[in-house]
Amino acid sequence: MKTPDDPIEKLLGAPYDSLDELTKKIARHVSDRKHIARNTAKELDEKSTLGERAADAVATFGGSWTFITLIMLNLKAELEIMLLHEKVDLLRKSQWSELLAIQKEQLKRLDNLIEKKIVSE
């Protein structure tokens, strides 16, 4: 491996041998015209677990326009269901009122029958 004495000495104003290890490493990369930064996305993909990859896939789908569109069809359906529940609740409430009225009428008639039986005895 060649040492980047000339360019580094020109850039930093110090000889290569007088630099610390990190600066020497950077100088070698600059001299060889290599990238210093790593592709961390590739490293993460290699080290990620099955659960992490699944979570990434869910997050990718969850942020897509397809998902947003599906959520809007779902919201509309949910609103329709809520309206239907409200209508059923109103019907049930009116039926309960009718049933209570019928039961009161039955109790009145039962009381009349009991009074007639007591009077006739």
PDB file of N, CA and C in Angstrom:
ATOM      1  N   MET A   1       0.864  -1.169   0.000  1.00  0.00           N
ATOM      2  CA  MET A   1       0.000   0.000   0.000  1.00  0.00           C
ATOM      3  C   MET A   1       0.903   1.221   0.000  1.00  0.00           C
ATOM      4  N   LYS A   2       0.593   2.117  -0.873  1.00  0.00           N
ATOM      5  CA  LYS A   2       1.410   3.327  -0.935  1.00  0.00           C
ATOM      6  C   LYS A   2       0.966   4.302   0.144  1.00  0.00           C
ATOM      7  N   THR A   3       1.899   5.082   0.630  1.00  0.00           N
ATOM      8  CA  THR A   3       1.561   6.091   1.625  1.00  0.00           C
ATOM      9  C   THR A   3       1.325   7.411   0.921  1.00  0.00           C
ATOM     10  N   PRO A   4       0.297   8.097   1.313  1.00  0.00           N
ATOM     11  CA  PRO A   4      -0.061   9.336   0.635  1.00  0.00           C
ATOM     12  C   PRO A   4       0.720  10.535   1.178  1.00  0.00           C
ATOM     13  N   ASP A   5       2.061  10.406   1.194  1.00  0.00           N
ATOM     14  CA  ASP A   5       2.879  11.472   1.782  1.00  0.00           C
ATOM     15  C   ASP A   5       2.687  12.815   1.097  1.00  0.00           C
ATOM     16  N   ASP A   6       2.835  12.864  -0.202  1.00  0.00           N
ATOM     17  CA  ASP A   6       2.828  14.152  -0.899  1.00  0.00           C
ATOM     18  C   ASP A   6       1.488  14.884  -0.802  1.00  0.00           C
ATOM     19  N   PRO A   7       0.369  14.262  -1.192  1.00  0.00           N
ATOM     20  CA  PRO A   7      -0.891  15.022  -1.128  1.00  0.00           C
ATOM     21  C   PRO A   7      -1.275  15.424   0.289  1.00  0.00           C
ATOM     22  N   ILE A   8      -1.041  14.537   1.257  1.00  0.00           N
ATOM     23  CA  ILE A   8      -1.415  14.841   2.636  1.00  0.00           C
ATOM     24  C   ILE A   8      -0.551  15.946   3.193  1.00  0.00           C
ATOM     25  N   GLU A   9       0.709  15.881   2.901  1.00  0.00           N
ATOM     26  CA  GLU A   9       1.602  16.937   3.397  1.00  0.00           C
ATOM     27  C   GLU A   9       1.197  18.277   2.800  1.00  0.00           C
ATOM     28  N   LYS A  10       0.747  18.256   1.541  1.00  0.00           N
ATOM     29  CA  LYS A  10       0.294  19.497   0.915  1.00  0.00           C
ATOM     30  C   LYS A  10      -1.013  19.982   1.561  1.00  0.00           C
ATOM     31  N   LEU A  11      -1.946  19.043   1.815  1.00  0.00           N
ATOM     32  CA  LEU A  11      -3.239  19.431   2.381  1.00  0.00           C
ATOM     33  C   LEU A  11      -3.162  19.823   3.852  1.00  0.00           C
ATOM     34  N   LEU A  12      -2.489  18.998   4.636  1.00  0.00           N
ATOM     35  CA  LEU A  12      -2.477  19.208   6.083  1.00  0.00           C
ATOM     36  C   LEU A  12      -1.225  19.920   6.600  1.00  0.00           C
ATOM     37  N   GLY A  13      -0.219  19.964   5.797  1.00  0.00           N
ATOM     38  CA  GLY A  13       1.013  20.622   6.219  1.00  0.00           C
ATOM     39  C   GLY A  13       1.806  19.820   7.237  1.00  0.00           C
ATOM     40  N   ALA A  14       1.589  18.491   7.268  1.00  0.00           N
ATOM     41  CA  ALA A  14       2.322  17.625   8.197  1.00  0.00           C
ATOM     42  C   ALA A  14       2.653  16.337   7.474  1.00  0.00           C
ATOM     43  N   PRO A  15       3.800  15.713   7.787  1.00  0.00           N
ATOM     44  CA  PRO A  15       4.137  14.453   7.142  1.00  0.00           C
ATOM     45  C   PRO A  15       3.196  13.330   7.589  1.00  0.00           C
ATOM     46  N   TYR A  16       3.021  12.338   6.726  1.00  0.00           N
ATOM     47  CA  TYR A  16       2.109  11.217   6.959  1.00  0.00           C
ATOM     48  C   TYR A  16       2.424  10.493   8.256  1.00  0.00           C
ATOM     49  N   ASP A  17       3.698  10.276   8.541  1.00  0.00           N
ATOM     50  CA  ASP A  17       4.089   9.511   9.731  1.00  0.00           C
ATOM     51  C   ASP A  17       3.754  10.230  11.033  1.00  0.00           C
ATOM     52  N   SER A  18       3.530  11.521  10.992  1.00  0.00           N
ATOM     53  CA  SER A  18       3.243  12.262  12.223  1.00  0.00           C
ATOM     54  C   SER A  18       1.744  12.301  12.544  1.00  0.00           C
ATOM     55  N   LEU A  19       0.922  11.737  11.691  1.00  0.00           N
ATOM     56  CA  LEU A  19      -0.533  11.777  11.884  1.00  0.00           C
ATOM     57  C   LEU A  19      -0.997  10.642  12.789  1.00  0.00           C
ATOM     58  N   ASP A  20      -2.141  10.843  13.444  1.00  0.00           N
ATOM     59  CA  ASP A  20      -2.721   9.764  14.257  1.00  0.00           C
ATOM     60  C   ASP A  20      -3.363   8.732  13.325  1.00  0.00           C
ATOM     61  N   GLU A  21      -3.765   7.584  13.885  1.00  0.00           N
ATOM     62  CA  GLU A  21      -4.243   6.466  13.070  1.00  0.00           C
ATOM     63  C   GLU A  21      -5.505   6.796  12.277  1.00  0.00           C
ATOM     64  N   LEU A  22      -6.445   7.508  12.872  1.00  0.00           N
ATOM     65  CA  LEU A  22      -7.677   7.853  12.172  1.00  0.00           C
ATOM     66  C   LEU A  22      -7.385   8.760  10.983  1.00  0.00           C
ATOM     67  N   THR A  23      -6.530   9.733  11.186  1.00  0.00           N
ATOM     68  CA  THR A  23      -6.180  10.645  10.094  1.00  0.00           C
ATOM     69  C   THR A  23      -5.426   9.903   8.999  1.00  0.00           C
ATOM     70  N   LYS A  24      -4.559   8.947   9.393  1.00  0.00           N
ATOM     71  CA  LYS A  24      -3.849   8.137   8.396  1.00  0.00           C
ATOM     72  C   LYS A  24      -4.842   7.315   7.560  1.00  0.00           C
ATOM     73  N   LYS A  25      -5.853   6.750   8.233  1.00  0.00           N
ATOM     74  CA  LYS A  25      -6.845   5.953   7.522  1.00  0.00           C
ATOM     75  C   LYS A  25      -7.595   6.817   6.508  1.00  0.00           C
ATOM     76  N   ILE A  26      -7.992   7.995   6.913  1.00  0.00           N
ATOM     77  CA  ILE A  26      -8.688   8.916   6.014  1.00  0.00           C
ATOM     78  C   ILE A  26      -7.769   9.316   4.870  1.00  0.00           C
ATOM     79  N   ALA A  27      -6.488   9.563   5.173  1.00  0.00           N
ATOM     80  CA  ALA A  27      -5.526   9.953   4.140  1.00  0.00           C
ATOM     81  C   ALA A  27      -5.356   8.837   3.116  1.00  0.00           C
ATOM     82  N   ARG A  28      -5.323   7.570   3.572  1.00  0.00           N
ATOM     83  CA  ARG A  28      -5.202   6.448   2.639  1.00  0.00           C
ATOM     84  C   ARG A  28      -6.425   6.373   1.721  1.00  0.00           C
ATOM     85  N   HIS A  29      -7.605   6.574   2.284  1.00  0.00           N
ATOM     86  CA  HIS A  29      -8.819   6.544   1.471  1.00  0.00           C
ATOM     87  C   HIS A  29      -8.828   7.667   0.440  1.00  0.00           C
ATOM     88  N   VAL A  30      -8.409   8.838   0.863  1.00  0.00           N
ATOM     89  CA  VAL A  30      -8.370   9.969  -0.070  1.00  0.00           C
ATOM     90  C   VAL A  30      -7.356   9.700  -1.171  1.00  0.00           C
ATOM     91  N   SER A  31      -6.197   9.194  -0.785  1.00  0.00           N
ATOM     92  CA  SER A  31      -5.136   8.921  -1.749  1.00  0.00           C
ATOM     93  C   SER A  31      -5.555   7.848  -2.755  1.00  0.00           C
ATOM     94  N   ASP A  32      -6.235   6.810  -2.268  1.00  0.00           N
ATOM     95  CA  ASP A  32      -6.674   5.712  -3.150  1.00  0.00           C
ATOM     96  C   ASP A  32      -8.000   6.031  -3.832  1.00  0.00           C
ATOM     97  N   ARG A  33      -8.576   7.156  -3.516  1.00  0.00           N
ATOM     98  CA  ARG A  33      -9.867   7.591  -4.062  1.00  0.00           C
ATOM     99  C   ARG A  33     -10.972   6.563  -3.755  1.00  0.00           C
ATOM    100  N   LYS A  34     -10.975   6.082  -2.513  1.00  0.00           N
ATOM    101  CA  LYS A  34     -12.011   5.156  -2.039  1.00  0.00           C
ATOM    102  C   LYS A  34     -13.009   5.935  -1.182  1.00  0.00           C
ATOM    103  N   HIS A  35     -14.195   5.383  -1.098  1.00  0.00           N
ATOM    104  CA  HIS A  35     -15.205   5.989  -0.227  1.00  0.00           C
ATOM    105  C   HIS A  35     -14.861   5.703   1.219  1.00  0.00           C
ATOM    106  N   ILE A  36     -15.048   6.697   2.039  1.00  0.00           N
ATOM    107  CA  ILE A  36     -14.797   6.519   3.473  1.00  0.00           C
ATOM    108  C   ILE A  36     -16.067   5.987   4.149  1.00  0.00           C
ATOM    109  N   ALA A  37     -17.204   6.493   3.738  1.00  0.00           N
ATOM    110  CA  ALA A  37     -18.477   6.091   4.347  1.00  0.00           C
ATOM    111  C   ALA A  37     -18.864   4.680   3.905  1.00  0.00           C
ATOM    112  N   ARG A  38     -19.529   3.970   4.807  1.00  0.00           N
ATOM    113  CA  ARG A  38     -20.020   2.637   4.499  1.00  0.00           C
ATOM    114  C   ARG A  38     -21.486   2.730   4.095  1.00  0.00           C
ATOM    115  N   ASN A  39     -21.939   1.710   3.398  1.00  0.00           N
ATOM    116  CA  ASN A  39     -23.354   1.610   3.064  1.00  0.00           C
ATOM    117  C   ASN A  39     -24.050   0.931   4.244  1.00  0.00           C
ATOM    118  N   THR A  40     -24.541   1.742   5.167  1.00  0.00           N
ATOM    119  CA  THR A  40     -25.135   1.184   6.386  1.00  0.00           C
ATOM    120  C   THR A  40     -26.456   0.466   6.107  1.00  0.00           C
ATOM    121  N   ALA A  41     -27.156   0.868   5.060  1.00  0.00           N
ATOM    122  CA  ALA A  41     -28.410   0.181   4.729  1.00  0.00           C
ATOM    123  C   ALA A  41     -28.141  -1.272   4.381  1.00  0.00           C
ATOM    124  N   LYS A  42     -27.064  -1.505   3.632  1.00  0.00           N
ATOM    125  CA  LYS A  42     -26.709  -2.873   3.260  1.00  0.00           C
ATOM    126  C   LYS A  42     -26.320  -3.674   4.503  1.00  0.00           C
ATOM    127  N   GLU A  43     -25.558  -3.033   5.396  1.00  0.00           N
ATOM    128  CA  GLU A  43     -25.164  -3.727   6.623  1.00  0.00           C
ATOM    129  C   GLU A  43     -26.379  -4.051   7.482  1.00  0.00           C
ATOM    130  N   LEU A  44     -27.325  -3.123   7.573  1.00  0.00           N
ATOM    131  CA  LEU A  44     -28.534  -3.374   8.360  1.00  0.00           C
ATOM    132  C   LEU A  44     -29.354  -4.511   7.765  1.00  0.00           C
ATOM    133  N   ASP A  45     -29.439  -4.555   6.430  1.00  0.00           N
ATOM    134  CA  ASP A  45     -30.184  -5.633   5.785  1.00  0.00           C
ATOM    135  C   ASP A  45     -29.556  -6.984   6.059  1.00  0.00           C
ATOM    136  N   GLU A  46     -28.239  -7.025   6.105  1.00  0.00           N
ATOM    137  CA  GLU A  46     -27.551  -8.286   6.351  1.00  0.00           C
ATOM    138  C   GLU A  46     -27.716  -8.745   7.792  1.00  0.00           C
ATOM    139  N   LYS A  47     -27.790  -7.795   8.730  1.00  0.00           N
ATOM    140  CA  LYS A  47     -27.850  -8.142  10.149  1.00  0.00           C
ATOM    141  C   LYS A  47     -29.265  -8.201  10.707  1.00  0.00           C
ATOM    142  N   SER A  48     -30.260  -7.768   9.955  1.00  0.00           N
ATOM    143  CA  SER A  48     -31.616  -7.683  10.504  1.00  0.00           C
ATOM    144  C   SER A  48     -32.233  -9.073  10.668  1.00  0.00           C
ATOM    145  N   THR A  49     -33.094  -9.170  11.683  1.00  0.00           N
ATOM    146  CA  THR A  49     -33.778 -10.430  11.963  1.00  0.00           C
ATOM    147  C   THR A  49     -35.031 -10.532  11.098  1.00  0.00           C
ATOM    148  N   LEU A  50     -35.649 -11.689  11.136  1.00  0.00           N
ATOM    149  CA  LEU A  50     -36.879 -11.902  10.377  1.00  0.00           C
ATOM    150  C   LEU A  50     -37.963 -10.932  10.833  1.00  0.00           C
ATOM    151  N   GLY A  51     -38.068 -10.728  12.133  1.00  0.00           N
ATOM    152  CA  GLY A  51     -39.071  -9.799  12.671  1.00  0.00           C
ATOM    153  C   GLY A  51     -38.827  -8.376  12.214  1.00  0.00           C
ATOM    154  N   GLU A  52     -37.569  -7.948  12.188  1.00  0.00           N
ATOM    155  CA  GLU A  52     -37.242  -6.599  11.737  1.00  0.00           C
ATOM    156  C   GLU A  52     -37.562  -6.421  10.255  1.00  0.00           C
ATOM    157  N   ARG A  53     -37.259  -7.454   9.467  1.00  0.00           N
ATOM    158  CA  ARG A  53     -37.576  -7.365   8.035  1.00  0.00           C
ATOM    159  C   ARG A  53     -39.092  -7.328   7.820  1.00  0.00           C
ATOM    160  N   ALA A  54     -39.826  -8.098   8.615  1.00  0.00           N
ATOM    161  CA  ALA A  54     -41.290  -8.091   8.516  1.00  0.00           C
ATOM    162  C   ALA A  54     -41.846  -6.724   8.905  1.00  0.00           C
ATOM    163  N   ALA A  55     -41.293  -6.141   9.974  1.00  0.00           N
ATOM    164  CA  ALA A  55     -41.735  -4.812  10.404  1.00  0.00           C
ATOM    165  C   ALA A  55     -41.447  -3.772   9.328  1.00  0.00           C
ATOM    166  N   ASP A  56     -40.305  -3.878   8.672  1.00  0.00           N
ATOM    167  CA  ASP A  56     -39.978  -2.958   7.582  1.00  0.00           C
ATOM    168  C   ASP A  56     -40.963  -3.105   6.425  1.00  0.00           C
ATOM    169  N   ALA A  57     -41.332  -4.347   6.120  1.00  0.00           N
ATOM    170  CA  ALA A  57     -42.287  -4.581   5.024  1.00  0.00           C
ATOM    171  C   ALA A  57     -43.653  -3.994   5.369  1.00  0.00           C
ATOM    172  N   VAL A  58     -44.077  -4.168   6.621  1.00  0.00           N
ATOM    173  CA  VAL A  58     -45.363  -3.614   7.052  1.00  0.00           C
ATOM    174  C   VAL A  58     -45.320  -2.088   6.999  1.00  0.00           C
ATOM    175  N   ALA A  59     -44.212  -1.512   7.452  1.00  0.00           N
ATOM    176  CA  ALA A  59     -44.077  -0.055   7.426  1.00  0.00           C
ATOM    177  C   ALA A  59     -44.063   0.476   5.994  1.00  0.00           C
ATOM    178  N   THR A  60     -43.431  -0.255   5.094  1.00  0.00           N
ATOM    179  CA  THR A  60     -43.400   0.163   3.692  1.00  0.00           C
ATOM    180  C   THR A  60     -44.813   0.160   3.110  1.00  0.00           C
ATOM    181  N   PHE A  61     -45.577  -0.895   3.397  1.00  0.00           N
ATOM    182  CA  PHE A  61     -46.954  -0.962   2.899  1.00  0.00           C
ATOM    183  C   PHE A  61     -47.833   0.058   3.599  1.00  0.00           C
ATOM    184  N   GLY A  62     -47.620   0.232   4.906  1.00  0.00           N
ATOM    185  CA  GLY A  62     -48.442   1.162   5.688  1.00  0.00           C
ATOM    186  C   GLY A  62     -48.284   2.608   5.249  1.00  0.00           C
ATOM    187  N   GLY A  63     -47.180   2.947   4.626  1.00  0.00           N
ATOM    188  CA  GLY A  63     -46.965   4.307   4.152  1.00  0.00           C
ATOM    189  C   GLY A  63     -47.290   4.492   2.686  1.00  0.00           C
ATOM    190  N   SER A  64     -47.854   3.482   2.056  1.00  0.00           N
ATOM    191  CA  SER A  64     -48.110   3.565   0.615  1.00  0.00           C
ATOM    192  C   SER A  64     -49.486   4.165   0.339  1.00  0.00           C
ATOM    193  N   TRP A  65     -49.665   4.647  -0.888  1.00  0.00           N
ATOM    194  CA  TRP A  65     -50.956   5.201  -1.296  1.00  0.00           C
ATOM    195  C   TRP A  65     -52.021   4.110  -1.350  1.00  0.00           C
ATOM    196  N   THR A  66     -51.615   2.904  -1.671  1.00  0.00           N
ATOM    197  CA  THR A  66     -52.574   1.795  -1.702  1.00  0.00           C
ATOM    198  C   THR A  66     -53.200   1.614  -0.322  1.00  0.00           C
ATOM    199  N   PHE A  67     -52.349   1.617   0.697  1.00  0.00           N
ATOM    200  CA  PHE A  67     -52.825   1.447   2.073  1.00  0.00           C
ATOM    201  C   PHE A  67     -53.739   2.604   2.472  1.00  0.00           C
ATOM    202  N   ILE A  68     -53.321   3.824   2.134  1.00  0.00           N
ATOM    203  CA  ILE A  68     -54.123   4.998   2.490  1.00  0.00           C
ATOM    204  C   ILE A  68     -55.481   4.926   1.817  1.00  0.00           C
ATOM    205  N   THR A  69     -55.508   4.491   0.559  1.00  0.00           N
ATOM    206  CA  THR A  69     -56.770   4.351  -0.157  1.00  0.00           C
ATOM    207  C   THR A  69     -57.654   3.294   0.504  1.00  0.00           C
ATOM    208  N   LEU A  70     -57.044   2.185   0.890  1.00  0.00           N
ATOM    209  CA  LEU A  70     -57.813   1.133   1.559  1.00  0.00           C
ATOM    210  C   LEU A  70     -58.375   1.621   2.887  1.00  0.00           C
ATOM    211  N   ILE A  71     -57.609   2.390   3.597  1.00  0.00           N
ATOM    212  CA  ILE A  71     -58.052   2.914   4.886  1.00  0.00           C
ATOM    213  C   ILE A  71     -59.241   3.851   4.699  1.00  0.00           C
ATOM    214  N   MET A  72     -59.235   4.659   3.553  1.00  0.00           N
ATOM    215  CA  MET A  72     -60.340   5.583   3.313  1.00  0.00           C
ATOM    216  C   MET A  72     -61.612   4.808   3.039  1.00  0.00           C
ATOM    217  N   LEU A  73     -61.546   3.570   2.050  1.00  0.00           N
ATOM    218  CA  LEU A  73     -62.701   2.701   1.804  1.00  0.00           C
ATOM    219  C   LEU A  73     -63.204   2.119   3.104  1.00  0.00           C
ATOM    220  N   ASN A  74     -62.175   1.813   4.090  1.00  0.00           N
ATOM    221  CA  ASN A  74     -62.517   1.239   5.388  1.00  0.00           C
ATOM    222  C   ASN A  74     -63.245   2.258   6.260  1.00  0.00           C
ATOM    223  N   LEU A  75     -62.769   3.505   6.255  1.00  0.00           N
ATOM    224  CA  LEU A  75     -63.411   4.550   7.050  1.00  0.00           C
ATOM    225  C   LEU A  75     -64.845   4.774   6.584  1.00  0.00           C
ATOM    226  N   LYS A  76     -65.025   4.777   5.282  1.00  0.00           N
ATOM    227  CA  LYS A  76     -66.369   4.972   4.753  1.00  0.00           C
ATOM    228  C   LYS A  76     -67.280   3.821   5.181  1.00  0.00           C
ATOM    229  N   ALA A  77     -66.778   2.614   5.093  1.00  0.00           N
ATOM    230  CA  ALA A  77     -67.561   1.446   5.513  1.00  0.00           C
ATOM    231  C   ALA A  77     -67.872   1.519   7.007  1.00  0.00           C
ATOM    232  N   GLU A  78     -66.893   1.952   7.778  1.00  0.00           N
ATOM    233  CA  GLU A  78     -67.105   2.063   9.219  1.00  0.00           C
ATOM    234  C   GLU A  78     -68.186   3.102   9.534  1.00  0.00           C
ATOM    235  N   LEU A  79     -68.170   4.217   8.804  1.00  0.00           N
ATOM    236  CA  LEU A  79     -69.210   5.231   9.009  1.00  0.00           C
ATOM    237  C   LEU A  79     -70.590   4.683   8.656  1.00  0.00           C
ATOM    238  N   GLU A  80     -70.671   3.933   7.566  1.00  0.00           N
ATOM    239  CA  GLU A  80     -71.946   3.324   7.175  1.00  0.00           C
ATOM    240  C   GLU A  80     -72.434   2.353   8.242  1.00  0.00           C
ATOM    241  N   ILE A  81     -71.526   1.570   8.775  1.00  0.00           N
ATOM    242  CA  ILE A  81     -71.890   0.607   9.828  1.00  0.00           C
ATOM    243  C   ILE A  81     -72.384   1.339  11.067  1.00  0.00           C
ATOM    244  N   MET A  82     -71.705   2.443  11.405  1.00  0.00           N
ATOM    245  CA  MET A  82     -72.140   3.226  12.565  1.00  0.00           C
ATOM    246  C   MET A  82     -73.551   3.776  12.356  1.00  0.00           C
ATOM    247  N   LEU A  83     -73.853   4.252  11.153  1.00  0.00           N
ATOM    248  CA  LEU A  83     -75.194   4.751  10.864  1.00  0.00           C
ATOM    249  C   LEU A  83     -76.233   3.641  10.968  1.00  0.00           C
ATOM    250  N   LEU A  84     -75.879   2.454  10.469  1.00  0.00           N
ATOM    251  CA  LEU A  84     -76.801   1.320  10.572  1.00  0.00           C
ATOM    252  C   LEU A  84     -77.054   0.935  12.033  1.00  0.00           C
ATOM    253  N   HIS A  85     -75.996   0.965  12.845  1.00  0.00           N
ATOM    254  CA  HIS A  85     -76.161   0.664  14.273  1.00  0.00           C
ATOM    255  C   HIS A  85     -77.097   1.676  14.931  1.00  0.00           C
ATOM    256  N   GLU A  86     -76.942   2.925  14.547  1.00  0.00           N
ATOM    257  CA  GLU A  86     -77.798   3.967  15.107  1.00  0.00           C
ATOM    258  C   GLU A  86     -79.256   3.725  14.741  1.00  0.00           C
ATOM    259  N   LYS A  87     -79.505   3.344  13.491  1.00  0.00           N
ATOM    260  CA  LYS A  87     -80.872   3.057  13.054  1.00  0.00           C
ATOM    261  C   LYS A  87     -81.452   1.858  13.802  1.00  0.00           C
ATOM    262  N   VAL A  88     -80.650   0.815  13.962  1.00  0.00           N
ATOM    263  CA  VAL A  88     -81.118  -0.382  14.682  1.00  0.00           C
ATOM    264  C   VAL A  88     -81.411  -0.032  16.140  1.00  0.00           C
ATOM    265  N   ASP A  89     -80.559   0.789  16.752  1.00  0.00           N
ATOM    266  CA  ASP A  89     -80.794   1.201  18.138  1.00  0.00           C
ATOM    267  C   ASP A  89     -82.102   1.981  18.269  1.00  0.00           C
ATOM    268  N   LEU A  90     -82.391   2.865  17.303  1.00  0.00           N
ATOM    269  CA  LEU A  90     -83.647   3.620  17.335  1.00  0.00           C
ATOM    270  C   LEU A  90     -84.844   2.685  17.193  1.00  0.00           C
ATOM    271  N   LEU A  91     -84.742   1.726  16.281  1.00  0.00           N
ATOM    272  CA  LEU A  91     -85.827   0.755  16.123  1.00  0.00           C
ATOM    273  C   LEU A  91     -86.032  -0.058  17.396  1.00  0.00           C
ATOM    274  N   ARG A  92     -84.937  -0.497  17.985  1.00  0.00           N
ATOM    275  CA  ARG A  92     -85.033  -1.290  19.211  1.00  0.00           C
ATOM    276  C   ARG A  92     -85.662  -0.468  20.336  1.00  0.00           C
ATOM    277  N   LYS A  93     -85.282   0.801  20.418  1.00  0.00           N
ATOM    278  CA  LYS A  93     -85.842   1.667  21.459  1.00  0.00           C
ATOM    279  C   LYS A  93     -87.345   1.830  21.282  1.00  0.00           C
ATOM    280  N   SER A  94     -87.776   2.019  20.045  1.00  0.00           N
ATOM    281  CA  SER A  94     -89.225   2.159  19.805  1.00  0.00           C
ATOM    282  C   SER A  94     -89.943   0.845  20.092  1.00  0.00           C
ATOM    283  N   GLN A  95     -89.323  -0.276  19.790  1.00  0.00           N
ATOM    284  CA  GLN A  95     -89.936  -1.571  20.077  1.00  0.00           C
ATOM    285  C   GLN A  95     -90.074  -1.779  21.581  1.00  0.00           C
ATOM    286  N   TRP A  96     -89.044  -1.370  22.345  1.00  0.00           N
ATOM    287  CA  TRP A  96     -89.125  -1.503  23.794  1.00  0.00           C
ATOM    288  C   TRP A  96     -90.273  -0.666  24.341  1.00  0.00           C
ATOM    289  N   SER A  97     -90.420   0.533  23.776  1.00  0.00           N
ATOM    290  CA  SER A  97     -91.533   1.390  24.216  1.00  0.00           C
ATOM    291  C   SER A  97     -92.872   0.713  23.943  1.00  0.00           C
ATOM    292  N   GLU A  98     -93.011   0.132  22.760  1.00  0.00           N
ATOM    293  CA  GLU A  98     -94.249  -0.573  22.412  1.00  0.00           C
ATOM    294  C   GLU A  98     -94.481  -1.771  23.326  1.00  0.00           C
ATOM    295  N   LEU A  99     -93.419  -2.522  23.594  1.00  0.00           N
ATOM    296  CA  LEU A  99     -93.547  -3.689  24.478  1.00  0.00           C
ATOM    297  C   LEU A  99     -93.953  -3.278  25.885  1.00  0.00           C
ATOM    298  N   LEU A 100     -93.408  -2.180  26.385  1.00  0.00           N
ATOM    299  CA  LEU A 100     -93.795  -1.698  27.715  1.00  0.00           C
ATOM    300  C   LEU A 100     -95.261  -1.277  27.736  1.00  0.00           C
ATOM    301  N   ALA A 101     -95.706  -0.614  26.666  1.00  0.00           N
ATOM    302  CA  ALA A 101     -97.113  -0.204  26.594  1.00  0.00           C
ATOM    303  C   ALA A 101     -98.025  -1.436  26.573  1.00  0.00           C
ATOM    304  N   ILE A 102     -97.657  -2.437  25.805  1.00  0.00           N
ATOM    305  CA  ILE A 102     -98.434  -3.678  25.740  1.00  0.00           C
ATOM    306  C   ILE A 102     -98.469  -4.360  27.100  1.00  0.00           C
ATOM    307  N   GLN A 103     -97.315  -4.378  27.778  1.00  0.00           N
ATOM    308  CA  GLN A 103     -97.256  -5.026  29.090  1.00  0.00           C
ATOM    309  C   GLN A 103     -98.124  -4.283  30.103  1.00  0.00           C
ATOM    310  N   LYS A 104     -98.121  -2.960  30.062  1.00  0.00           N
ATOM    311  CA  LYS A 104     -98.983  -2.188  30.972  1.00  0.00           C
ATOM    312  C   LYS A 104    -100.452  -2.506  30.712  1.00  0.00           C
ATOM    313  N   GLU A 105    -100.810  -2.593  29.437  1.00  0.00           N
ATOM    314  CA  GLU A 105    -102.197  -2.926  29.079  1.00  0.00           C
ATOM    315  C   GLU A 105    -102.561  -4.327  29.583  1.00  0.00           C
ATOM    316  N   GLN A 106    -101.631  -5.259  29.455  1.00  0.00           N
ATOM    317  CA  GLN A 106    -101.883  -6.619  29.945  1.00  0.00           C
ATOM    318  C   GLN A 106    -102.064  -6.626  31.460  1.00  0.00           C
ATOM    319  N   LEU A 107    -101.249  -5.843  32.167  1.00  0.00           N
ATOM    320  CA  LEU A 107    -101.378  -5.778  33.629  1.00  0.00           C
ATOM    321  C   LEU A 107    -102.720  -5.178  34.041  1.00  0.00           C
ATOM    322  N   LYS A 108    -103.173  -4.149  33.310  1.00  0.00           N
ATOM    323  CA  LYS A 108    -104.481  -3.556  33.609  1.00  0.00           C
ATOM    324  C   LYS A 108    -105.592  -4.590  33.418  1.00  0.00           C
ATOM    325  N   ARG A 109    -105.535  -5.326  32.327  1.00  0.00           N
ATOM    326  CA  ARG A 109    -106.555  -6.334  32.059  1.00  0.00           C
ATOM    327  C   ARG A 109    -106.517  -7.446  33.101  1.00  0.00           C
ATOM    328  N   LEU A 110    -105.299  -7.817  33.513  1.00  0.00           N
ATOM    329  CA  LEU A 110    -105.170  -8.847  34.547  1.00  0.00           C
ATOM    330  C   LEU A 110    -105.767  -8.359  35.861  1.00  0.00           C
ATOM    331  N   ASP A 111    -105.504  -7.089  36.188  1.00  0.00           N
ATOM    332  CA  ASP A 111    -106.096  -6.525  37.409  1.00  0.00           C
ATOM    333  C   ASP A 111    -107.621  -6.532  37.322  1.00  0.00           C
ATOM    334  N   ASN A 112    -108.161  -6.177  36.143  1.00  0.00           N
ATOM    335  CA  ASN A 112    -109.623  -6.193  35.959  1.00  0.00           C
ATOM    336  C   ASN A 112    -110.184  -7.593  36.138  1.00  0.00           C
ATOM    337  N   LEU A 113    -109.509  -8.571  35.572  1.00  0.00           N
ATOM    338  CA  LEU A 113    -109.963  -9.967  35.717  1.00  0.00           C
ATOM    339  C   LEU A 113    -109.931 -10.399  37.191  1.00  0.00           C
ATOM    340  N   ILE A 114    -108.888 -10.022  37.884  1.00  0.00           N
ATOM    341  CA  ILE A 114    -108.763 -10.405  39.301  1.00  0.00           C
ATOM    342  C   ILE A 114    -109.886  -9.742  40.109  1.00  0.00           C
ATOM    343  N   GLU A 115    -110.180  -8.458  39.834  1.00  0.00           N
ATOM    344  CA  GLU A 115    -111.252  -7.764  40.555  1.00  0.00           C
ATOM    345  C   GLU A 115    -112.612  -8.388  40.265  1.00  0.00           C
ATOM    346  N   LYS A 116    -112.848  -8.747  39.004  1.00  0.00           N
ATOM    347  CA  LYS A 116    -114.129  -9.385  38.644  1.00  0.00           C
ATOM    348  C   LYS A 116    -114.288 -10.722  39.337  1.00  0.00           C
ATOM    349  N   LYS A 117    -113.193 -11.464  39.448  1.00  0.00           N
ATOM    350  CA  LYS A 117    -113.258 -12.767  40.088  1.00  0.00           C
ATOM    351  C   LYS A 117    -113.526 -12.610  41.591  1.00  0.00           C
ATOM    352  N   ILE A 118    -112.882 -11.595  42.192  1.00  0.00           N
ATOM    353  CA  ILE A 118    -113.083 -11.374  43.622  1.00  0.00           C
ATOM    354  C   ILE A 118    -114.534 -10.914  43.871  1.00  0.00           C
ATOM    355  N   VAL A 119    -115.057 -10.069  43.019  1.00  0.00           N
ATOM    356  CA  VAL A 119    -116.442  -9.568  43.186  1.00  0.00           C
ATOM    357  C   VAL A 119    -117.454 -10.700  42.974  1.00  0.00           C
ATOM    358  N   SER A 120    -117.180 -11.551  41.998  1.00  0.00           N
ATOM    359  CA  SER A 120    -118.124 -12.617  41.704  1.00  0.00           C
ATOM    360  C   SER A 120    -118.102 -13.712  42.789  1.00  0.00           C
ATOM    361  N   GLU A 121    -117.128 -13.808  43.557  1.00  0.00           N
ATOM    362  CA  GLU A 121    -117.053 -14.852  44.597  1.00  0.00           C
ATOM    363  C   GLU A 121    -117.753 -14.401  45.804  1.00  0.00           C
TER     364      GLU A 121
END
